[in-house]
Amino acid sequence: MESAPAAQPLEPQIIETLKTVYDPEIPVNIYELGLIYKVEVDAAGAVVVKMTLTSPNCPEAVTLPPSVETKLKAIPGVTSAKVDVVWEPTWTKDMMSEAAKLQLGVD
């Protein structure tokens, strides 16, 4: 994750917040699922998150990104939040954390 040095104190809070967002169809948070590709924070507290979804046909495509933005905007010090949904690289189960794989029983 890249960010301006002055914004680095926000990164742990941003990650912890991302870990509170779940895809309703999968009982693992979006961070551990590997859906978060990049978090950028500038010195003014503007946050840009590049994330993907498990599938382009994901029913949560309309609601999940705005939900992430709303939660990020609630963090003290965050002045704005934008989520860019990207499709490259394509998400695979290999992007999940070991904890997520264990929880879902995925090898």
PDB file of N, CA and C in Angstrom:
ATOM      1  N   MET A   1       0.834  -1.169   0.000  1.00  0.00           N
ATOM      2  CA  MET A   1       0.000   0.000   0.000  1.00  0.00           C
ATOM      3  C   MET A   1       0.879   1.233   0.000  1.00  0.00           C
ATOM      4  N   GLU A   2       0.542   2.169  -0.839  1.00  0.00           N
ATOM      5  CA  GLU A   2       1.313   3.382  -0.934  1.00  0.00           C
ATOM      6  C   GLU A   2       0.509   4.528  -0.336  1.00  0.00           C
ATOM      7  N   SER A   3       1.208   5.444   0.334  1.00  0.00           N
ATOM      8  CA  SER A   3       0.539   6.612   0.859  1.00  0.00           C
ATOM      9  C   SER A   3       1.568   7.676   1.166  1.00  0.00           C
ATOM     10  N   ALA A   4       1.096   8.886   1.349  1.00  0.00           N
ATOM     11  CA  ALA A   4       1.978   9.967   1.747  1.00  0.00           C
ATOM     12  C   ALA A   4       2.401   9.738   3.193  1.00  0.00           C
ATOM     13  N   PRO A   5       3.625  10.107   3.563  1.00  0.00           N
ATOM     14  CA  PRO A   5       4.092   9.860   4.931  1.00  0.00           C
ATOM     15  C   PRO A   5       3.175  10.422   6.003  1.00  0.00           C
ATOM     16  N   ALA A   6       2.613  11.598   5.789  1.00  0.00           N
ATOM     17  CA  ALA A   6       1.745  12.208   6.804  1.00  0.00           C
ATOM     18  C   ALA A   6       0.457  11.418   7.002  1.00  0.00           C
ATOM     19  N   ALA A   7       0.087  10.649   6.019  1.00  0.00           N
ATOM     20  CA  ALA A   7      -1.168   9.903   6.086  1.00  0.00           C
ATOM     21  C   ALA A   7      -0.988   8.503   6.659  1.00  0.00           C
ATOM     22  N   GLN A   8       0.235   8.068   6.867  1.00  0.00           N
ATOM     23  CA  GLN A   8       0.470   6.706   7.318  1.00  0.00           C
ATOM     24  C   GLN A   8      -0.269   6.332   8.607  1.00  0.00           C
ATOM     25  N   PRO A   9      -0.449   7.254   9.567  1.00  0.00           N
ATOM     26  CA  PRO A   9      -1.193   6.855  10.762  1.00  0.00           C
ATOM     27  C   PRO A   9      -2.635   6.416  10.465  1.00  0.00           C
ATOM     28  N   LEU A  10      -3.190   6.838   9.345  1.00  0.00           N
ATOM     29  CA  LEU A  10      -4.554   6.433   8.998  1.00  0.00           C
ATOM     30  C   LEU A  10      -4.632   5.008   8.464  1.00  0.00           C
ATOM     31  N   GLU A  11      -3.541   4.503   7.909  1.00  0.00           N
ATOM     32  CA  GLU A  11      -3.587   3.188   7.264  1.00  0.00           C
ATOM     33  C   GLU A  11      -4.080   2.064   8.172  1.00  0.00           C
ATOM     34  N   PRO A  12      -3.578   1.951   9.400  1.00  0.00           N
ATOM     35  CA  PRO A  12      -4.093   0.863  10.256  1.00  0.00           C
ATOM     36  C   PRO A  12      -5.592   0.978  10.513  1.00  0.00           C
ATOM     37  N   GLN A  13      -6.083   2.200  10.694  1.00  0.00           N
ATOM     38  CA  GLN A  13      -7.520   2.387  10.912  1.00  0.00           C
ATOM     39  C   GLN A  13      -8.314   2.024   9.661  1.00  0.00           C
ATOM     40  N   ILE A  14      -7.773   2.375   8.508  1.00  0.00           N
ATOM     41  CA  ILE A  14      -8.450   2.054   7.251  1.00  0.00           C
ATOM     42  C   ILE A  14      -8.535   0.537   7.085  1.00  0.00           C
ATOM     43  N   ILE A  15      -7.441  -0.142   7.325  1.00  0.00           N
ATOM     44  CA  ILE A  15      -7.438  -1.607   7.191  1.00  0.00           C
ATOM     45  C   ILE A  15      -8.401  -2.237   8.188  1.00  0.00           C
ATOM     46  N   GLU A  16      -8.381  -1.762   9.425  1.00  0.00           N
ATOM     47  CA  GLU A  16      -9.311  -2.310  10.422  1.00  0.00           C
ATOM     48  C   GLU A  16     -10.758  -2.073   9.995  1.00  0.00           C
ATOM     49  N   THR A  17     -11.028  -0.920   9.417  1.00  0.00           N
ATOM     50  CA  THR A  17     -12.380  -0.631   8.936  1.00  0.00           C
ATOM     51  C   THR A  17     -12.753  -1.543   7.780  1.00  0.00           C
ATOM     52  N   LEU A  18     -11.816  -1.758   6.852  1.00  0.00           N
ATOM     53  CA  LEU A  18     -12.092  -2.661   5.725  1.00  0.00           C
ATOM     54  C   LEU A  18     -12.395  -4.072   6.222  1.00  0.00           C
ATOM     55  N   LYS A  19     -11.802  -4.444   7.328  1.00  0.00           N
ATOM     56  CA  LYS A  19     -12.042  -5.775   7.892  1.00  0.00           C
ATOM     57  C   LYS A  19     -13.419  -5.894   8.534  1.00  0.00           C
ATOM     58  N   THR A  20     -14.176  -4.793   8.610  1.00  0.00           N
ATOM     59  CA  THR A  20     -15.538  -4.856   9.160  1.00  0.00           C
ATOM     60  C   THR A  20     -16.586  -4.966   8.064  1.00  0.00           C
ATOM     61  N   VAL A  21     -16.133  -4.975   6.800  1.00  0.00           N
ATOM     62  CA  VAL A  21     -17.061  -5.043   5.667  1.00  0.00           C
ATOM     63  C   VAL A  21     -17.060  -6.472   5.121  1.00  0.00           C
ATOM     64  N   TYR A  22     -18.262  -7.022   5.011  1.00  0.00           N
ATOM     65  CA  TYR A  22     -18.416  -8.404   4.553  1.00  0.00           C
ATOM     66  C   TYR A  22     -19.264  -8.464   3.303  1.00  0.00           C
ATOM     67  N   ASP A  23     -18.898  -9.365   2.415  1.00  0.00           N
ATOM     68  CA  ASP A  23     -19.768  -9.725   1.310  1.00  0.00           C
ATOM     69  C   ASP A  23     -20.851 -10.583   1.961  1.00  0.00           C
ATOM     70  N   PRO A  24     -22.120 -10.200   1.835  1.00  0.00           N
ATOM     71  CA  PRO A  24     -23.186 -10.945   2.527  1.00  0.00           C
ATOM     72  C   PRO A  24     -23.252 -12.425   2.187  1.00  0.00           C
ATOM     73  N   GLU A  25     -22.694 -12.811   1.045  1.00  0.00           N
ATOM     74  CA  GLU A  25     -22.769 -14.208   0.634  1.00  0.00           C
ATOM     75  C   GLU A  25     -21.604 -15.039   1.156  1.00  0.00           C
ATOM     76  N   ILE A  26     -20.574 -14.371   1.690  1.00  0.00           N
ATOM     77  CA  ILE A  26     -19.375 -15.077   2.145  1.00  0.00           C
ATOM     78  C   ILE A  26     -19.044 -14.580   3.560  1.00  0.00           C
ATOM     79  N   PRO A  27     -18.911 -15.475   4.527  1.00  0.00           N
ATOM     80  CA  PRO A  27     -18.698 -15.044   5.915  1.00  0.00           C
ATOM     81  C   PRO A  27     -17.252 -14.641   6.239  1.00  0.00           C
ATOM     82  N   VAL A  28     -16.601 -13.939   5.319  1.00  0.00           N
ATOM     83  CA  VAL A  28     -15.233 -13.468   5.521  1.00  0.00           C
ATOM     84  C   VAL A  28     -15.202 -12.013   5.050  1.00  0.00           C
ATOM     85  N   ASN A  29     -14.446 -11.176   5.761  1.00  0.00           N
ATOM     86  CA  ASN A  29     -14.411  -9.766   5.376  1.00  0.00           C
ATOM     87  C   ASN A  29     -13.682  -9.556   4.049  1.00  0.00           C
ATOM     88  N   ILE A  30     -13.946  -8.415   3.422  1.00  0.00           N
ATOM     89  CA  ILE A  30     -13.420  -8.155   2.082  1.00  0.00           C
ATOM     90  C   ILE A  30     -11.902  -8.034   2.059  1.00  0.00           C
ATOM     91  N   TYR A  31     -11.304  -7.627   3.172  1.00  0.00           N
ATOM     92  CA  TYR A  31      -9.839  -7.513   3.224  1.00  0.00           C
ATOM     93  C   TYR A  31      -9.200  -8.903   3.204  1.00  0.00           C
ATOM     94  N   GLU A  32      -9.695  -9.793   4.063  1.00  0.00           N
ATOM     95  CA  GLU A  32      -9.147 -11.148   4.128  1.00  0.00           C
ATOM     96  C   GLU A  32      -9.477 -11.954   2.868  1.00  0.00           C
ATOM     97  N   LEU A  33     -10.571 -11.595   2.201  1.00  0.00           N
ATOM     98  CA  LEU A  33     -10.917 -12.275   0.946  1.00  0.00           C
ATOM     99  C   LEU A  33      -9.952 -11.897  -0.174  1.00  0.00           C
ATOM    100  N   GLY A  34      -9.181 -10.839   0.031  1.00  0.00           N
ATOM    101  CA  GLY A  34      -8.251 -10.401  -1.005  1.00  0.00           C
ATOM    102  C   GLY A  34      -8.900  -9.499  -2.042  1.00  0.00           C
ATOM    103  N   LEU A  35     -10.033  -8.912  -1.701  1.00  0.00           N
ATOM    104  CA  LEU A  35     -10.728  -8.037  -2.642  1.00  0.00           C
ATOM    105  C   LEU A  35     -10.142  -6.629  -2.678  1.00  0.00           C
ATOM    106  N   ILE A  36      -9.339  -6.276  -1.678  1.00  0.00           N
ATOM    107  CA  ILE A  36      -8.710  -4.954  -1.642  1.00  0.00           C
ATOM    108  C   ILE A  36      -7.347  -5.057  -2.300  1.00  0.00           C
ATOM    109  N   TYR A  37      -7.187  -4.345  -3.412  1.00  0.00           N
ATOM    110  CA  TYR A  37      -5.928  -4.398  -4.154  1.00  0.00           C
ATOM    111  C   TYR A  37      -4.965  -3.298  -3.748  1.00  0.00           C
ATOM    112  N   LYS A  38      -5.491  -2.114  -3.402  1.00  0.00           N
ATOM    113  CA  LYS A  38      -4.608  -1.003  -3.089  1.00  0.00           C
ATOM    114  C   LYS A  38      -5.359   0.028  -2.258  1.00  0.00           C
ATOM    115  N   VAL A  39      -4.656   0.608  -1.291  1.00  0.00           N
ATOM    116  CA  VAL A  39      -5.185   1.708  -0.496  1.00  0.00           C
ATOM    117  C   VAL A  39      -4.204   2.855  -0.628  1.00  0.00           C
ATOM    118  N   GLU A  40      -4.715   4.008  -1.035  1.00  0.00           N
ATOM    119  CA  GLU A  40      -3.885   5.207  -1.130  1.00  0.00           C
ATOM    120  C   GLU A  40      -4.483   6.273  -0.223  1.00  0.00           C
ATOM    121  N   VAL A  41      -3.622   6.937   0.541  1.00  0.00           N
ATOM    122  CA  VAL A  41      -4.053   8.018   1.416  1.00  0.00           C
ATOM    123  C   VAL A  41      -3.124   9.193   1.164  1.00  0.00           C
ATOM    124  N   ASP A  42      -3.706  10.363   0.861  1.00  0.00           N
ATOM    125  CA  ASP A  42      -2.826  11.508   0.675  1.00  0.00           C
ATOM    126  C   ASP A  42      -2.703  12.296   1.978  1.00  0.00           C
ATOM    127  N   ALA A  43      -1.854  13.308   1.975  1.00  0.00           N
ATOM    128  CA  ALA A  43      -1.566  14.076   3.185  1.00  0.00           C
ATOM    129  C   ALA A  43      -2.796  14.808   3.714  1.00  0.00           C
ATOM    130  N   ALA A  44      -3.770  15.058   2.845  1.00  0.00           N
ATOM    131  CA  ALA A  44      -4.987  15.745   3.263  1.00  0.00           C
ATOM    132  C   ALA A  44      -6.033  14.793   3.845  1.00  0.00           C
ATOM    133  N   GLY A  45      -5.754  13.485   3.809  1.00  0.00           N
ATOM    134  CA  GLY A  45      -6.698  12.502   4.340  1.00  0.00           C
ATOM    135  C   GLY A  45      -7.668  11.943   3.319  1.00  0.00           C
ATOM    136  N   ALA A  46      -7.415  12.207   2.050  1.00  0.00           N
ATOM    137  CA  ALA A  46      -8.261  11.635   0.993  1.00  0.00           C
ATOM    138  C   ALA A  46      -7.835  10.191   0.749  1.00  0.00           C
ATOM    139  N   VAL A  47      -8.799   9.292   0.749  1.00  0.00           N
ATOM    140  CA  VAL A  47      -8.533   7.857   0.599  1.00  0.00           C
ATOM    141  C   VAL A  47      -9.110   7.365  -0.726  1.00  0.00           C
ATOM    142  N   VAL A  48      -8.297   6.598  -1.434  1.00  0.00           N
ATOM    143  CA  VAL A  48      -8.763   5.920  -2.646  1.00  0.00           C
ATOM    144  C   VAL A  48      -8.454   4.439  -2.467  1.00  0.00           C
ATOM    145  N   VAL A  49      -9.471   3.615  -2.617  1.00  0.00           N
ATOM    146  CA  VAL A  49      -9.317   2.169  -2.490  1.00  0.00           C
ATOM    147  C   VAL A  49      -9.605   1.541  -3.844  1.00  0.00           C
ATOM    148  N   LYS A  50      -8.680   0.719  -4.293  1.00  0.00           N
ATOM    149  CA  LYS A  50      -8.917  -0.067  -5.499  1.00  0.00           C
ATOM    150  C   LYS A  50      -9.280  -1.467  -5.016  1.00  0.00           C
ATOM    151  N   MET A  51     -10.456  -1.897  -5.410  1.00  0.00           N
ATOM    152  CA  MET A  51     -10.920  -3.211  -4.982  1.00  0.00           C
ATOM    153  C   MET A  51     -11.593  -3.908  -6.151  1.00  0.00           C
ATOM    154  N   THR A  52     -11.785  -5.192  -5.973  1.00  0.00           N
ATOM    155  CA  THR A  52     -12.509  -5.974  -6.953  1.00  0.00           C
ATOM    156  C   THR A  52     -13.642  -6.695  -6.245  1.00  0.00           C
ATOM    157  N   LEU A  53     -14.362  -7.468  -6.991  1.00  0.00           N
ATOM    158  CA  LEU A  53     -15.425  -8.308  -6.439  1.00  0.00           C
ATOM    159  C   LEU A  53     -15.128  -9.736  -6.868  1.00  0.00           C
ATOM    160  N   THR A  54     -15.763 -10.682  -6.218  1.00  0.00           N
ATOM    161  CA  THR A  54     -15.478 -12.076  -6.546  1.00  0.00           C
ATOM    162  C   THR A  54     -15.897 -12.425  -7.956  1.00  0.00           C
ATOM    163  N   SER A  55     -16.833 -11.657  -8.517  1.00  0.00           N
ATOM    164  CA  SER A  55     -17.319 -11.907  -9.871  1.00  0.00           C
ATOM    165  C   SER A  55     -17.921 -10.625 -10.425  1.00  0.00           C
ATOM    166  N   PRO A  56     -17.786 -10.383 -11.722  1.00  0.00           N
ATOM    167  CA  PRO A  56     -18.454  -9.219 -12.314  1.00  0.00           C
ATOM    168  C   PRO A  56     -19.977  -9.273 -12.147  1.00  0.00           C
ATOM    169  N   ASN A  57     -20.505 -10.458 -11.946  1.00  0.00           N
ATOM    170  CA  ASN A  57     -21.951 -10.622 -11.759  1.00  0.00           C
ATOM    171  C   ASN A  57     -22.353 -10.593 -10.289  1.00  0.00           C
ATOM    172  N   CYS A  58     -21.441 -10.219  -9.427  1.00  0.00           N
ATOM    173  CA  CYS A  58     -21.711 -10.189  -7.987  1.00  0.00           C
ATOM    174  C   CYS A  58     -22.929  -9.302  -7.711  1.00  0.00           C
ATOM    175  N   PRO A  59     -23.925  -9.842  -7.000  1.00  0.00           N
ATOM    176  CA  PRO A  59     -25.115  -9.039  -6.713  1.00  0.00           C
ATOM    177  C   PRO A  59     -24.821  -7.844  -5.807  1.00  0.00           C
ATOM    178  N   GLU A  60     -23.685  -7.854  -5.136  1.00  0.00           N
ATOM    179  CA  GLU A  60     -23.327  -6.760  -4.238  1.00  0.00           C
ATOM    180  C   GLU A  60     -22.567  -5.638  -4.942  1.00  0.00           C
ATOM    181  N   ALA A  61     -22.391  -5.738  -6.253  1.00  0.00           N
ATOM    182  CA  ALA A  61     -21.620  -4.742  -7.001  1.00  0.00           C
ATOM    183  C   ALA A  61     -22.181  -3.332  -6.843  1.00  0.00           C
ATOM    184  N   VAL A  62     -23.477  -3.224  -6.644  1.00  0.00           N
ATOM    185  CA  VAL A  62     -24.105  -1.909  -6.517  1.00  0.00           C
ATOM    186  C   VAL A  62     -24.006  -1.377  -5.087  1.00  0.00           C
ATOM    187  N   THR A  63     -24.066  -2.246  -4.103  1.00  0.00           N
ATOM    188  CA  THR A  63     -24.127  -1.779  -2.715  1.00  0.00           C
ATOM    189  C   THR A  63     -22.803  -1.834  -1.959  1.00  0.00           C
ATOM    190  N   LEU A  64     -21.935  -2.764  -2.294  1.00  0.00           N
ATOM    191  CA  LEU A  64     -20.697  -2.938  -1.518  1.00  0.00           C
ATOM    192  C   LEU A  64     -19.747  -1.740  -1.625  1.00  0.00           C
ATOM    193  N   PRO A  65     -19.398  -1.253  -2.813  1.00  0.00           N
ATOM    194  CA  PRO A  65     -18.480  -0.099  -2.879  1.00  0.00           C
ATOM    195  C   PRO A  65     -18.986   1.145  -2.127  1.00  0.00           C
ATOM    196  N   PRO A  66     -20.257   1.544  -2.274  1.00  0.00           N
ATOM    197  CA  PRO A  66     -20.725   2.697  -1.493  1.00  0.00           C
ATOM    198  C   PRO A  66     -20.685   2.440   0.020  1.00  0.00           C
ATOM    199  N   SER A  67     -20.922   1.213   0.419  1.00  0.00           N
ATOM    200  CA  SER A  67     -20.844   0.861   1.837  1.00  0.00           C
ATOM    201  C   SER A  67     -19.419   1.043   2.352  1.00  0.00           C
ATOM    202  N   VAL A  68     -18.435   0.626   1.563  1.00  0.00           N
ATOM    203  CA  VAL A  68     -17.030   0.796   1.928  1.00  0.00           C
ATOM    204  C   VAL A  68     -16.712   2.286   2.056  1.00  0.00           C
ATOM    205  N   GLU A  69     -17.146   3.075   1.083  1.00  0.00           N
ATOM    206  CA  GLU A  69     -16.898   4.518   1.124  1.00  0.00           C
ATOM    207  C   GLU A  69     -17.484   5.147   2.382  1.00  0.00           C
ATOM    208  N   THR A  70     -18.705   4.790   2.715  1.00  0.00           N
ATOM    209  CA  THR A  70     -19.369   5.350   3.891  1.00  0.00           C
ATOM    210  C   THR A  70     -18.593   5.023   5.161  1.00  0.00           C
ATOM    211  N   LYS A  71     -18.148   3.779   5.296  1.00  0.00           N
ATOM    212  CA  LYS A  71     -17.391   3.384   6.487  1.00  0.00           C
ATOM    213  C   LYS A  71     -16.045   4.107   6.558  1.00  0.00           C
ATOM    214  N   LEU A  72     -15.381   4.282   5.414  1.00  0.00           N
ATOM    215  CA  LEU A  72     -14.089   4.964   5.409  1.00  0.00           C
ATOM    216  C   LEU A  72     -14.249   6.438   5.759  1.00  0.00           C
ATOM    217  N   LYS A  73     -15.302   7.077   5.265  1.00  0.00           N
ATOM    218  CA  LYS A  73     -15.538   8.491   5.550  1.00  0.00           C
ATOM    219  C   LYS A  73     -15.791   8.739   7.036  1.00  0.00           C
ATOM    220  N   ALA A  74     -16.206   7.722   7.761  1.00  0.00           N
ATOM    221  CA  ALA A  74     -16.493   7.858   9.190  1.00  0.00           C
ATOM    222  C   ALA A  74     -15.230   7.826  10.052  1.00  0.00           C
ATOM    223  N   ILE A  75     -14.080   7.500   9.466  1.00  0.00           N
ATOM    224  CA  ILE A  75     -12.823   7.443  10.212  1.00  0.00           C
ATOM    225  C   ILE A  75     -12.334   8.873  10.467  1.00  0.00           C
ATOM    226  N   PRO A  76     -12.065   9.227  11.714  1.00  0.00           N
ATOM    227  CA  PRO A  76     -11.526  10.559  11.990  1.00  0.00           C
ATOM    228  C   PRO A  76     -10.223  10.787  11.219  1.00  0.00           C
ATOM    229  N   GLY A  77     -10.147  11.900  10.524  1.00  0.00           N
ATOM    230  CA  GLY A  77      -8.962  12.226   9.738  1.00  0.00           C
ATOM    231  C   GLY A  77      -9.124  11.942   8.261  1.00  0.00           C
ATOM    232  N   VAL A  78     -10.119  11.137   7.901  1.00  0.00           N
ATOM    233  CA  VAL A  78     -10.382  10.871   6.490  1.00  0.00           C
ATOM    234  C   VAL A  78     -11.272  11.996   5.974  1.00  0.00           C
ATOM    235  N   THR A  79     -10.788  12.716   4.966  1.00  0.00           N
ATOM    236  CA  THR A  79     -11.536  13.849   4.416  1.00  0.00           C
ATOM    237  C   THR A  79     -12.435  13.458   3.255  1.00  0.00           C
ATOM    238  N   SER A  80     -12.069  12.404   2.554  1.00  0.00           N
ATOM    239  CA  SER A  80     -12.915  11.884   1.480  1.00  0.00           C
ATOM    240  C   SER A  80     -12.519  10.435   1.235  1.00  0.00           C
ATOM    241  N   ALA A  81     -13.437   9.695   0.635  1.00  0.00           N
ATOM    242  CA  ALA A  81     -13.161   8.287   0.337  1.00  0.00           C
ATOM    243  C   ALA A  81     -13.787   7.943  -1.005  1.00  0.00           C
ATOM    244  N   LYS A  82     -13.016   7.267  -1.812  1.00  0.00           N
ATOM    245  CA  LYS A  82     -13.486   6.843  -3.125  1.00  0.00           C
ATOM    246  C   LYS A  82     -13.075   5.391  -3.334  1.00  0.00           C
ATOM    247  N   VAL A  83     -13.995   4.594  -3.831  1.00  0.00           N
ATOM    248  CA  VAL A  83     -13.708   3.207  -4.143  1.00  0.00           C
ATOM    249  C   VAL A  83     -13.768   3.039  -5.657  1.00  0.00           C
ATOM    250  N   ASP A  84     -12.676   2.567  -6.213  1.00  0.00           N
ATOM    251  CA  ASP A  84     -12.627   2.231  -7.632  1.00  0.00           C
ATOM    252  C   ASP A  84     -12.694   0.714  -7.740  1.00  0.00           C
ATOM    253  N   VAL A  85     -13.725   0.206  -8.407  1.00  0.00           N
ATOM    254  CA  VAL A  85     -13.834  -1.233  -8.639  1.00  0.00           C
ATOM    255  C   VAL A  85     -13.067  -1.546  -9.915  1.00  0.00           C
ATOM    256  N   VAL A  86     -12.117  -2.462  -9.790  1.00  0.00           N
ATOM    257  CA  VAL A  86     -11.283  -2.860 -10.922  1.00  0.00           C
ATOM    258  C   VAL A  86     -11.439  -4.362 -11.157  1.00  0.00           C
ATOM    259  N   TRP A  87     -11.162  -4.783 -12.361  1.00  0.00           N
ATOM    260  CA  TRP A  87     -11.324  -6.199 -12.715  1.00  0.00           C
ATOM    261  C   TRP A  87     -10.006  -6.855 -13.083  1.00  0.00           C
ATOM    262  N   GLU A  88      -8.923  -6.103 -13.044  1.00  0.00           N
ATOM    263  CA  GLU A  88      -7.598  -6.646 -13.327  1.00  0.00           C
ATOM    264  C   GLU A  88      -6.697  -6.395 -12.145  1.00  0.00           C
ATOM    265  N   PRO A  89      -6.013  -7.355 -11.627  1.00  0.00           N
ATOM    266  CA  PRO A  89      -6.099  -8.757 -12.024  1.00  0.00           C
ATOM    267  C   PRO A  89      -7.418  -9.376 -11.558  1.00  0.00           C
ATOM    268  N   THR A  90      -7.812 -10.391 -12.247  1.00  0.00           N
ATOM    269  CA  THR A  90      -9.034 -11.111 -11.887  1.00  0.00           C
ATOM    270  C   THR A  90      -8.850 -11.773 -10.530  1.00  0.00           C
ATOM    271  N   TRP A  91      -9.860 -11.627  -9.665  1.00  0.00           N
ATOM    272  CA  TRP A  91      -9.789 -12.228  -8.331  1.00  0.00           C
ATOM    273  C   TRP A  91      -9.851 -13.747  -8.439  1.00  0.00           C
ATOM    274  N   THR A  92      -9.021 -14.405  -7.634  1.00  0.00           N
ATOM    275  CA  THR A  92      -9.070 -15.859  -7.506  1.00  0.00           C
ATOM    276  C   THR A  92      -8.990 -16.211  -6.023  1.00  0.00           C
ATOM    277  N   LYS A  93      -9.299 -17.428  -5.702  1.00  0.00           N
ATOM    278  CA  LYS A  93      -9.231 -17.878  -4.302  1.00  0.00           C
ATOM    279  C   LYS A  93      -7.823 -17.790  -3.750  1.00  0.00           C
ATOM    280  N   ASP A  94      -6.819 -17.782  -4.618  1.00  0.00           N
ATOM    281  CA  ASP A  94      -5.431 -17.677  -4.165  1.00  0.00           C
ATOM    282  C   ASP A  94      -5.138 -16.329  -3.517  1.00  0.00           C
ATOM    283  N   MET A  95      -5.983 -15.336  -3.735  1.00  0.00           N
ATOM    284  CA  MET A  95      -5.778 -14.007  -3.170  1.00  0.00           C
ATOM    285  C   MET A  95      -6.262 -13.903  -1.731  1.00  0.00           C
ATOM    286  N   MET A  96      -6.968 -14.915  -1.258  1.00  0.00           N
ATOM    287  CA  MET A  96      -7.466 -14.904   0.112  1.00  0.00           C
ATOM    288  C   MET A  96      -6.317 -15.118   1.089  1.00  0.00           C
ATOM    289  N   SER A  97      -6.470 -14.541   2.285  1.00  0.00           N
ATOM    290  CA  SER A  97      -5.484 -14.780   3.332  1.00  0.00           C
ATOM    291  C   SER A  97      -5.591 -16.234   3.788  1.00  0.00           C
ATOM    292  N   GLU A  98      -4.553 -16.696   4.464  1.00  0.00           N
ATOM    293  CA  GLU A  98      -4.591 -18.072   4.993  1.00  0.00           C
ATOM    294  C   GLU A  98      -5.755 -18.248   5.961  1.00  0.00           C
ATOM    295  N   ALA A  99      -6.020 -17.208   6.770  1.00  0.00           N
ATOM    296  CA  ALA A  99      -7.138 -17.272   7.733  1.00  0.00           C
ATOM    297  C   ALA A  99      -8.458 -17.441   7.003  1.00  0.00           C
ATOM    298  N   ALA A 100      -8.636 -16.709   5.915  1.00  0.00           N
ATOM    299  CA  ALA A 100      -9.884 -16.802   5.144  1.00  0.00           C
ATOM    300  C   ALA A 100     -10.014 -18.182   4.529  1.00  0.00           C
ATOM    301  N   LYS A 101      -8.909 -18.714   3.998  1.00  0.00           N
ATOM    302  CA  LYS A 101      -8.959 -20.041   3.398  1.00  0.00           C
ATOM    303  C   LYS A 101      -9.334 -21.100   4.436  1.00  0.00           C
ATOM    304  N   LEU A 102      -8.762 -20.975   5.623  1.00  0.00           N
ATOM    305  CA  LEU A 102      -9.087 -21.924   6.705  1.00  0.00           C
ATOM    306  C   LEU A 102     -10.563 -21.813   7.078  1.00  0.00           C
ATOM    307  N   GLN A 103     -11.041 -20.567   7.207  1.00  0.00           N
ATOM    308  CA  GLN A 103     -12.421 -20.355   7.622  1.00  0.00           C
ATOM    309  C   GLN A 103     -13.406 -20.917   6.600  1.00  0.00           C
ATOM    310  N   LEU A 104     -13.052 -20.820   5.315  1.00  0.00           N
ATOM    311  CA  LEU A 104     -13.948 -21.297   4.263  1.00  0.00           C
ATOM    312  C   LEU A 104     -13.660 -22.728   3.829  1.00  0.00           C
ATOM    313  N   GLY A 105     -12.593 -23.329   4.378  1.00  0.00           N
ATOM    314  CA  GLY A 105     -12.250 -24.683   4.007  1.00  0.00           C
ATOM    315  C   GLY A 105     -11.713 -24.801   2.592  1.00  0.00           C
ATOM    316  N   VAL A 106     -10.978 -23.770   2.160  1.00  0.00           N
ATOM    317  CA  VAL A 106     -10.418 -23.723   0.808  1.00  0.00           C
ATOM    318  C   VAL A 106      -8.933 -24.032   0.885  1.00  0.00           C
ATOM    319  N   ASP A 107      -8.452 -24.858  -0.045  1.00  0.00           N
ATOM    320  CA  ASP A 107      -7.016 -25.152  -0.095  1.00  0.00           C
ATOM    321  C   ASP A 107      -6.292 -24.165  -0.978  1.00  0.00           C
TER     322      ASP A 107
END
